[in-house]
Amino acid sequence: MSTSRALPVLRTPDLRAAHDAARRLLALAVPMAGFQVEGETTTRTPAEARRLFAAFPTGRGATPWPSHPRLGHEEVRRLFDAGDPRFDGLGPLEFQAKAKPPGGFEELFLDAVGSGPGSLSWTSFYWPAVPELGLEPRAKDTHLQIAINSRNVDFDRPSDDHTLFVHFRGGDLERARWLARQVGLEPVGPEECGW
């Protein structure tokens, strides 16, 4: 069972501003060997789905549960790659793509993502030590996330704005607040369950 928590430190209608704040926070992080970024979203239109599938040749998309018939990642990708007109009739698609290490992927994802709820998240890094708080470096439950068009970490509360979350180990709330202050941010809501 996870013990992670997430603190919202920015809420903005400007997705680029959320990404800029995320980059400032990531500049404080210490990357590990598996440092990666992942983007996921639910497309709302065929144009959004086509844009994402074209931008990310290794991206995966499936019809959401409980669609009948449910189409898996391989079948949906095959329809897109073949230019099959049935692709546009699939309706909303759950789309995922990732890159290791981050860099370049984020801008491409932000350019391609549409109006559906989603997430851009970074994992496999350490938050730094905070000697004045008596905190050692911490990797467990360490993530950074932009909830796109959503107000929560599971991106199931749709919104017209985007929320930047600092994920941290339960009990490390002061570290999350400290991290936010280092880049000119403050909490914009209470902490919530992370992943």
Protein backbone atom coordinates (compact mmCIF):
# COMPACT_ATOMS: atom_id res chain seq x y z
CA MET A 1 0.00 0.00 0.00
CA SER A 2 1.33 3.41 -0.97
CA THR A 3 2.06 6.02 1.63
CA SER A 4 2.48 8.90 -0.81
CA ARG A 5 0.77 12.22 -0.42
CA ALA A 6 0.39 15.09 -2.90
CA LEU A 7 0.38 18.82 -2.21
CA PRO A 8 -1.15 21.17 -4.80
CA VAL A 9 1.23 24.12 -5.19
CA LEU A 10 -0.13 25.86 -8.30
CA ARG A 11 -3.48 26.08 -10.05
CA THR A 12 -3.57 27.95 -13.34
CA PRO A 13 -5.47 28.08 -16.64
CA ASP A 14 -2.05 28.39 -18.37
CA LEU A 15 -0.61 24.92 -19.00
CA ARG A 16 2.76 26.41 -20.01
CA ALA A 17 2.96 28.26 -16.68
CA ALA A 18 2.34 24.96 -14.86
CA HIS A 19 5.10 23.32 -16.89
CA ASP A 20 7.49 26.20 -16.20
CA ALA A 21 6.86 25.82 -12.44
CA ALA A 22 7.39 22.05 -12.75
CA ARG A 23 10.76 22.65 -14.46
CA ARG A 24 11.81 24.93 -11.60
CA LEU A 25 10.92 22.22 -9.08
CA LEU A 26 12.70 19.54 -11.11
CA ALA A 27 15.85 21.68 -11.03
CA LEU A 28 15.91 20.92 -7.27
CA ALA A 29 15.55 17.16 -7.83
CA VAL A 30 18.37 14.63 -8.04
CA PRO A 31 17.64 12.27 -10.98
CA MET A 32 18.14 8.52 -10.61
CA ALA A 33 18.95 6.05 -13.42
CA GLY A 34 15.28 5.45 -14.22
CA PHE A 35 14.31 9.16 -14.32
CA GLN A 36 11.32 9.43 -16.66
CA VAL A 37 8.29 11.43 -17.66
CA GLU A 38 4.88 10.02 -18.56
CA GLY A 39 1.93 11.68 -20.21
CA GLU A 40 -1.57 10.30 -20.16
CA THR A 41 -4.93 11.69 -21.13
CA THR A 42 -8.41 10.80 -22.28
CA THR A 43 -9.00 12.17 -25.74
CA ARG A 44 -12.34 13.81 -26.41
CA THR A 45 -12.28 14.07 -30.20
CA PRO A 46 -10.86 12.08 -33.12
CA ALA A 47 -8.59 15.07 -33.93
CA GLU A 48 -7.07 14.94 -30.42
CA ALA A 49 -6.51 11.19 -30.72
CA ARG A 50 -4.91 11.49 -34.16
CA ARG A 51 -2.63 14.30 -32.97
CA LEU A 52 -1.36 12.25 -30.00
CA PHE A 53 -0.93 9.01 -31.96
CA ALA A 54 1.00 10.88 -34.67
CA ALA A 55 3.24 12.69 -32.17
CA PHE A 56 4.11 9.54 -30.20
CA PRO A 57 4.69 6.47 -32.40
CA THR A 58 5.22 4.30 -29.31
CA GLY A 59 2.24 5.80 -27.47
CA ARG A 60 -0.52 3.46 -26.40
CA GLY A 61 -4.24 4.01 -26.58
CA ALA A 62 -7.26 1.91 -25.71
CA THR A 63 -10.99 2.38 -25.51
CA PRO A 64 -11.93 3.07 -21.89
CA TRP A 65 -13.50 0.50 -19.65
CA PRO A 66 -16.37 -0.55 -19.85
CA SER A 67 -16.53 0.06 -23.62
CA HIS A 68 -17.96 -2.85 -25.57
CA PRO A 69 -16.16 -4.10 -27.41
CA ARG A 70 -13.08 -2.93 -25.53
CA LEU A 71 -10.16 -2.48 -27.89
CA GLY A 72 -6.65 -2.93 -26.53
CA HIS A 73 -3.53 -0.90 -27.20
CA GLU A 74 -2.25 -3.01 -30.08
CA GLU A 75 -5.53 -3.01 -31.99
CA VAL A 76 -6.09 0.73 -31.60
CA ARG A 77 -2.50 1.46 -32.73
CA ARG A 78 -2.94 -0.88 -35.70
CA LEU A 79 -6.09 0.98 -36.81
CA PHE A 80 -4.30 4.32 -36.58
CA ASP A 81 -1.14 3.17 -38.35
CA ALA A 82 -3.19 1.66 -41.17
CA GLY A 83 -5.20 4.86 -41.66
CA ASP A 84 -8.35 2.84 -41.02
CA PRO A 85 -11.40 5.16 -40.96
CA ARG A 86 -12.80 3.13 -38.03
CA PHE A 87 -10.17 4.83 -35.82
CA ASP A 88 -12.21 8.07 -35.83
CA GLY A 89 -15.30 6.20 -34.67
CA LEU A 90 -13.73 4.73 -31.55
CA GLY A 91 -14.83 7.63 -29.37
CA PRO A 92 -12.80 8.69 -26.33
CA LEU A 93 -9.46 6.93 -26.01
CA GLU A 94 -7.20 6.51 -22.99
CA PHE A 95 -3.72 7.48 -24.25
CA GLN A 96 -0.30 6.98 -22.58
CA ALA A 97 3.26 7.71 -23.64
CA LYS A 98 6.55 8.06 -21.75
CA ALA A 99 10.19 8.98 -22.21
CA LYS A 100 13.37 8.13 -20.36
CA PRO A 101 15.10 10.48 -19.60
CA PRO A 102 12.79 13.50 -19.77
CA GLY A 103 13.48 16.36 -22.13
CA GLY A 104 11.65 17.31 -25.32
CA PHE A 105 8.85 14.88 -24.58
CA GLU A 106 7.06 17.35 -22.34
CA GLU A 107 6.80 20.11 -24.96
CA LEU A 108 5.60 17.64 -27.56
CA PHE A 109 2.96 16.27 -25.18
CA LEU A 110 1.76 19.75 -24.21
CA ASP A 111 1.47 20.66 -27.90
CA ALA A 112 -0.57 17.53 -28.66
CA VAL A 113 -2.79 17.16 -25.59
CA GLY A 114 -6.36 18.27 -25.98
CA SER A 115 -9.22 19.27 -23.72
CA GLY A 116 -9.58 15.97 -21.89
CA PRO A 117 -8.33 15.36 -18.36
CA GLY A 118 -4.83 13.98 -18.10
CA SER A 119 -1.49 14.09 -16.39
CA LEU A 120 2.16 14.84 -17.03
CA SER A 121 4.29 13.25 -14.32
CA TRP A 122 7.96 12.74 -13.50
CA THR A 123 9.30 9.84 -11.44
CA SER A 124 12.56 8.20 -10.30
CA PHE A 125 14.36 11.04 -8.61
CA TYR A 126 15.27 12.22 -5.11
CA TRP A 127 13.93 15.29 -3.38
CA PRO A 128 16.98 16.95 -1.81
CA ALA A 129 17.95 16.99 1.83
CA VAL A 130 16.63 19.91 3.86
CA PRO A 131 19.12 20.24 6.74
CA GLU A 132 17.23 23.07 8.44
CA LEU A 133 14.22 20.76 8.75
CA GLY A 134 16.34 17.73 9.65
CA LEU A 135 15.32 15.93 6.42
CA GLU A 136 17.59 13.56 4.50
CA PRO A 137 17.27 13.11 0.71
CA ARG A 138 14.13 11.13 -0.13
CA ALA A 139 13.32 8.99 -3.17
CA LYS A 140 10.39 6.93 -1.88
CA ASP A 141 7.02 8.28 -3.07
CA THR A 142 8.77 11.16 -4.82
CA HIS A 143 6.95 12.39 -7.93
CA LEU A 144 5.98 15.64 -9.61
CA GLN A 145 2.71 15.93 -11.52
CA ILE A 146 0.67 18.35 -13.54
CA ALA A 147 -2.99 17.33 -13.46
CA ILE A 148 -4.12 18.61 -16.86
CA ASN A 149 -7.67 19.92 -17.14
CA SER A 150 -8.24 18.53 -13.65
CA ARG A 151 -8.15 19.41 -9.97
CA ASN A 152 -6.88 16.14 -8.47
CA VAL A 153 -4.07 13.61 -8.86
CA ASP A 154 -6.33 10.96 -10.42
CA PHE A 155 -7.46 13.60 -12.95
CA ASP A 156 -11.08 12.57 -12.52
CA ARG A 157 -12.32 16.00 -11.38
CA PRO A 158 -12.42 17.85 -14.72
CA SER A 159 -11.62 21.54 -14.70
CA ASP A 160 -10.69 24.36 -17.06
CA ASP A 161 -7.40 24.78 -15.22
CA HIS A 162 -4.35 22.68 -14.37
CA THR A 163 -2.90 21.75 -10.97
CA LEU A 164 0.75 21.16 -10.13
CA PHE A 165 1.29 18.59 -7.36
CA VAL A 166 4.43 17.82 -5.35
CA HIS A 167 4.23 14.14 -4.36
CA PHE A 168 6.07 13.11 -1.22
CA ARG A 169 6.34 10.43 1.43
CA GLY A 170 3.62 10.59 4.09
CA GLY A 171 4.93 12.69 6.98
CA ASP A 172 7.08 14.88 4.70
CA LEU A 173 4.58 17.73 4.31
CA GLU A 174 7.14 20.28 5.49
CA ARG A 175 9.51 19.13 2.73
CA ALA A 176 6.77 19.67 0.11
CA ARG A 177 6.06 23.15 1.46
CA TRP A 178 9.79 23.92 1.52
CA LEU A 179 10.18 22.77 -2.09
CA ALA A 180 7.30 25.00 -3.19
CA ARG A 181 8.80 28.03 -1.43
CA GLN A 182 12.16 27.51 -3.13
CA VAL A 183 10.55 28.27 -6.49
CA GLY A 184 8.12 30.97 -5.35
CA LEU A 185 5.04 28.77 -4.90
CA GLU A 186 2.71 28.14 -1.97
CA PRO A 187 0.11 25.43 -1.33
CA VAL A 188 -3.22 26.14 -3.03
CA GLY A 189 -5.16 23.47 -1.18
CA PRO A 190 -4.81 20.69 1.35
CA GLU A 191 -2.65 17.65 0.75
CA GLU A 192 -4.40 14.63 -0.69
CA CYS A 193 -3.71 10.96 -1.26
CA GLY A 194 -1.05 10.41 -3.89
CA TRP A 195 -0.26 7.17 -5.72
